[in-house]
Amino acid sequence: MDTKDMVVLLIAFIVYIILLIFVFAPIYAVVWRFVKNRTPVRGTNWYMRFYEAKKENDREYEEYLKWAAKRGYKPIIKKRN
């Protein structure tokens, strides 16, 4: 392998990087946006399930406080985040 072959390979590598950046990256971004917009939003659904479970736990705790107050028990203190 002489200098001419190394220069040709270096130029080919630079052209490959340019193609990756200016041709395939925008195509990938468009395809990714298309796929992302047509699939369920998992993050929001997970957060809503977490939020609903937390609200349910708070409701149960409020009911427990009422139950303990009626029976004269000292309630267990729940730490709030």
N, C-alpha and C. Protein backbone atom coordinates (compact mmCIF):
# COMPACT_ATOMS: atom_id res chain seq x y z
N MET A 1 0.86 -1.17 0.00
CA MET A 1 0.00 0.00 0.00
C MET A 1 0.91 1.24 0.00
N ASP A 2 0.73 2.03 -1.00
CA ASP A 2 1.57 3.22 -1.09
C ASP A 2 0.77 4.46 -0.67
N THR A 3 1.38 5.60 -0.82
CA THR A 3 0.79 6.87 -0.36
C THR A 3 -0.50 7.19 -1.11
N LYS A 4 -0.54 6.89 -2.40
CA LYS A 4 -1.73 7.20 -3.20
C LYS A 4 -2.94 6.42 -2.66
N ASP A 5 -2.77 5.15 -2.33
CA ASP A 5 -3.87 4.35 -1.79
C ASP A 5 -4.33 4.88 -0.43
N MET A 6 -3.39 5.29 0.40
CA MET A 6 -3.74 5.83 1.72
C MET A 6 -4.53 7.13 1.59
N VAL A 7 -4.16 7.97 0.65
CA VAL A 7 -4.90 9.23 0.43
C VAL A 7 -6.30 8.94 -0.08
N VAL A 8 -6.43 7.98 -0.98
CA VAL A 8 -7.76 7.60 -1.50
C VAL A 8 -8.62 7.05 -0.38
N LEU A 9 -8.06 6.20 0.49
CA LEU A 9 -8.82 5.66 1.62
C LEU A 9 -9.21 6.76 2.61
N LEU A 10 -8.31 7.70 2.85
CA LEU A 10 -8.62 8.82 3.74
C LEU A 10 -9.74 9.68 3.18
N ILE A 11 -9.70 9.96 1.89
CA ILE A 11 -10.77 10.74 1.24
C ILE A 11 -12.09 9.96 1.28
N ALA A 12 -12.04 8.66 1.06
CA ALA A 12 -13.25 7.84 1.12
C ALA A 12 -13.84 7.85 2.53
N PHE A 13 -12.98 7.80 3.53
CA PHE A 13 -13.45 7.84 4.91
C PHE A 13 -14.10 9.19 5.23
N ILE A 14 -13.50 10.27 4.78
CA ILE A 14 -14.08 11.61 5.00
C ILE A 14 -15.42 11.74 4.28
N VAL A 15 -15.53 11.23 3.06
CA VAL A 15 -16.80 11.27 2.33
C VAL A 15 -17.84 10.43 3.05
N TYR A 16 -17.44 9.29 3.61
CA TYR A 16 -18.35 8.43 4.37
C TYR A 16 -18.89 9.17 5.59
N ILE A 17 -18.04 9.86 6.32
CA ILE A 17 -18.48 10.63 7.49
C ILE A 17 -19.44 11.74 7.07
N ILE A 18 -19.12 12.42 5.98
CA ILE A 18 -20.01 13.49 5.49
C ILE A 18 -21.37 12.92 5.10
N LEU A 19 -21.38 11.77 4.44
CA LEU A 19 -22.66 11.13 4.09
C LEU A 19 -23.44 10.76 5.33
N LEU A 20 -22.77 10.23 6.34
CA LEU A 20 -23.47 9.89 7.58
C LEU A 20 -24.12 11.11 8.20
N ILE A 21 -23.40 12.20 8.22
CA ILE A 21 -23.91 13.40 8.90
C ILE A 21 -25.00 14.09 8.09
N PHE A 22 -24.77 14.29 6.80
CA PHE A 22 -25.68 15.14 6.02
C PHE A 22 -26.76 14.38 5.24
N VAL A 23 -26.64 13.07 5.11
CA VAL A 23 -27.65 12.32 4.35
C VAL A 23 -28.42 11.37 5.27
N PHE A 24 -27.70 10.49 5.96
CA PHE A 24 -28.38 9.46 6.74
C PHE A 24 -28.95 9.98 8.05
N ALA A 25 -28.31 10.95 8.67
CA ALA A 25 -28.83 11.48 9.93
C ALA A 25 -30.20 12.16 9.75
N PRO A 26 -30.40 13.03 8.74
CA PRO A 26 -31.75 13.60 8.57
C PRO A 26 -32.81 12.54 8.22
N ILE A 27 -32.41 11.56 7.41
CA ILE A 27 -33.36 10.48 7.09
C ILE A 27 -33.73 9.72 8.36
N TYR A 28 -32.73 9.41 9.16
CA TYR A 28 -32.98 8.72 10.43
C TYR A 28 -33.89 9.55 11.33
N ALA A 29 -33.66 10.86 11.40
CA ALA A 29 -34.48 11.73 12.25
C ALA A 29 -35.93 11.75 11.78
N VAL A 30 -36.15 11.80 10.47
CA VAL A 30 -37.51 11.82 9.94
C VAL A 30 -38.21 10.49 10.22
N VAL A 31 -37.51 9.39 9.99
CA VAL A 31 -38.10 8.07 10.25
C VAL A 31 -38.39 7.90 11.73
N TRP A 32 -37.45 8.32 12.59
CA TRP A 32 -37.64 8.20 14.04
C TRP A 32 -38.84 9.03 14.50
N ARG A 33 -38.99 10.26 13.98
CA ARG A 33 -40.12 11.10 14.34
C ARG A 33 -41.43 10.46 13.89
N PHE A 34 -41.43 9.86 12.70
CA PHE A 34 -42.62 9.19 12.18
C PHE A 34 -43.01 8.02 13.09
N VAL A 35 -42.04 7.19 13.45
CA VAL A 35 -42.33 6.02 14.30
C VAL A 35 -42.75 6.47 15.69
N LYS A 36 -42.06 7.46 16.23
CA LYS A 36 -42.35 7.93 17.58
C LYS A 36 -43.75 8.52 17.69
N ASN A 37 -44.20 9.24 16.67
CA ASN A 37 -45.52 9.86 16.72
C ASN A 37 -46.66 8.87 16.51
N ARG A 38 -46.36 7.66 16.09
CA ARG A 38 -47.42 6.69 15.83
C ARG A 38 -47.41 5.52 16.79
N THR A 39 -46.65 5.62 17.86
CA THR A 39 -46.64 4.58 18.89
C THR A 39 -47.19 5.17 20.18
N PRO A 40 -47.68 4.34 21.08
CA PRO A 40 -48.22 4.87 22.34
C PRO A 40 -47.12 5.60 23.14
N VAL A 41 -47.54 6.61 23.85
CA VAL A 41 -46.59 7.36 24.66
C VAL A 41 -46.42 6.59 25.97
N ARG A 42 -45.35 5.85 26.05
CA ARG A 42 -45.16 4.99 27.23
C ARG A 42 -44.78 5.80 28.46
N GLY A 43 -43.97 6.82 28.29
CA GLY A 43 -43.51 7.60 29.44
C GLY A 43 -44.67 8.26 30.17
N THR A 44 -45.55 8.91 29.43
CA THR A 44 -46.68 9.59 30.04
C THR A 44 -47.62 8.59 30.70
N ASN A 45 -47.89 7.47 30.02
CA ASN A 45 -48.79 6.47 30.60
C ASN A 45 -48.20 5.91 31.89
N TRP A 46 -46.89 5.66 31.90
CA TRP A 46 -46.26 5.14 33.11
C TRP A 46 -46.37 6.15 34.23
N TYR A 47 -46.13 7.42 33.91
CA TYR A 47 -46.21 8.46 34.94
C TYR A 47 -47.64 8.58 35.47
N MET A 48 -48.63 8.49 34.58
CA MET A 48 -50.01 8.60 35.04
C MET A 48 -50.38 7.42 35.93
N ARG A 49 -49.92 6.21 35.60
CA ARG A 49 -50.19 5.06 36.47
C ARG A 49 -49.54 5.26 37.84
N PHE A 50 -48.31 5.77 37.85
CA PHE A 50 -47.62 6.05 39.10
C PHE A 50 -48.37 7.10 39.91
N TYR A 51 -48.83 8.15 39.23
CA TYR A 51 -49.54 9.23 39.90
C TYR A 51 -50.86 8.72 40.49
N GLU A 52 -51.59 7.92 39.73
CA GLU A 52 -52.86 7.38 40.23
C GLU A 52 -52.63 6.46 41.43
N ALA A 53 -51.59 5.64 41.37
CA ALA A 53 -51.28 4.75 42.51
C ALA A 53 -50.93 5.58 43.74
N LYS A 54 -50.21 6.66 43.55
CA LYS A 54 -49.85 7.53 44.68
C LYS A 54 -51.11 8.18 45.26
N LYS A 55 -52.01 8.64 44.39
CA LYS A 55 -53.25 9.23 44.89
C LYS A 55 -54.07 8.19 45.65
N GLU A 56 -54.10 6.96 45.14
CA GLU A 56 -54.85 5.90 45.83
C GLU A 56 -54.23 5.61 47.20
N ASN A 57 -52.91 5.60 47.28
CA ASN A 57 -52.25 5.39 48.57
C ASN A 57 -52.58 6.52 49.53
N ASP A 58 -52.64 7.75 49.04
CA ASP A 58 -52.98 8.88 49.90
C ASP A 58 -54.42 8.76 50.39
N ARG A 59 -55.33 8.32 49.50
CA ARG A 59 -56.73 8.13 49.91
C ARG A 59 -56.83 7.07 51.01
N GLU A 60 -56.11 5.96 50.81
CA GLU A 60 -56.14 4.91 51.83
C GLU A 60 -55.57 5.41 53.15
N TYR A 61 -54.54 6.23 53.10
CA TYR A 61 -53.95 6.76 54.31
C TYR A 61 -54.92 7.70 55.02
N GLU A 62 -55.63 8.52 54.25
CA GLU A 62 -56.63 9.41 54.87
C GLU A 62 -57.73 8.59 55.55
N GLU A 63 -58.16 7.51 54.90
CA GLU A 63 -59.17 6.64 55.52
C GLU A 63 -58.62 6.00 56.79
N TYR A 64 -57.36 5.61 56.77
CA TYR A 64 -56.73 5.02 57.95
C TYR A 64 -56.68 6.03 59.10
N LEU A 65 -56.36 7.30 58.78
CA LEU A 65 -56.33 8.32 59.84
C LEU A 65 -57.70 8.49 60.48
N LYS A 66 -58.77 8.48 59.66
CA LYS A 66 -60.12 8.59 60.20
C LYS A 66 -60.45 7.38 61.07
N TRP A 67 -60.08 6.19 60.61
CA TRP A 67 -60.34 4.97 61.35
C TRP A 67 -59.61 5.00 62.69
N ALA A 68 -58.34 5.43 62.69
CA ALA A 68 -57.55 5.47 63.93
C ALA A 68 -58.12 6.51 64.89
N ALA A 69 -58.58 7.64 64.36
CA ALA A 69 -59.13 8.69 65.22
C ALA A 69 -60.41 8.20 65.89
N LYS A 70 -61.26 7.47 65.18
CA LYS A 70 -62.51 6.96 65.75
C LYS A 70 -62.25 5.98 66.89
N ARG A 71 -61.21 5.18 66.77
CA ARG A 71 -60.94 4.13 67.74
C ARG A 71 -59.94 4.55 68.81
N GLY A 72 -59.44 5.78 68.73
CA GLY A 72 -58.53 6.27 69.75
C GLY A 72 -57.10 5.77 69.60
N TYR A 73 -56.75 5.22 68.44
CA TYR A 73 -55.38 4.77 68.22
C TYR A 73 -54.50 5.93 67.81
N LYS A 74 -53.22 5.83 68.17
CA LYS A 74 -52.26 6.82 67.70
C LYS A 74 -51.85 6.41 66.29
N PRO A 75 -52.11 7.26 65.28
CA PRO A 75 -51.83 6.84 63.92
C PRO A 75 -50.33 6.76 63.62
N ILE A 76 -50.01 5.90 62.69
CA ILE A 76 -48.63 5.81 62.19
C ILE A 76 -48.40 7.02 61.28
N ILE A 77 -47.34 7.75 61.53
CA ILE A 77 -47.05 8.95 60.74
C ILE A 77 -46.41 8.54 59.43
N LYS A 78 -47.00 9.01 58.36
CA LYS A 78 -46.49 8.71 57.02
C LYS A 78 -45.57 9.84 56.59
N LYS A 79 -44.35 9.48 56.16
CA LYS A 79 -43.42 10.50 55.71
C LYS A 79 -43.81 10.94 54.30
N ARG A 80 -43.85 12.24 54.11
CA ARG A 80 -44.19 12.79 52.80
C ARG A 80 -42.91 13.18 52.07
N ASN A 81 -42.89 12.93 50.78
CA ASN A 81 -41.71 13.31 49.99
C ASN A 81 -41.82 14.73 49.54
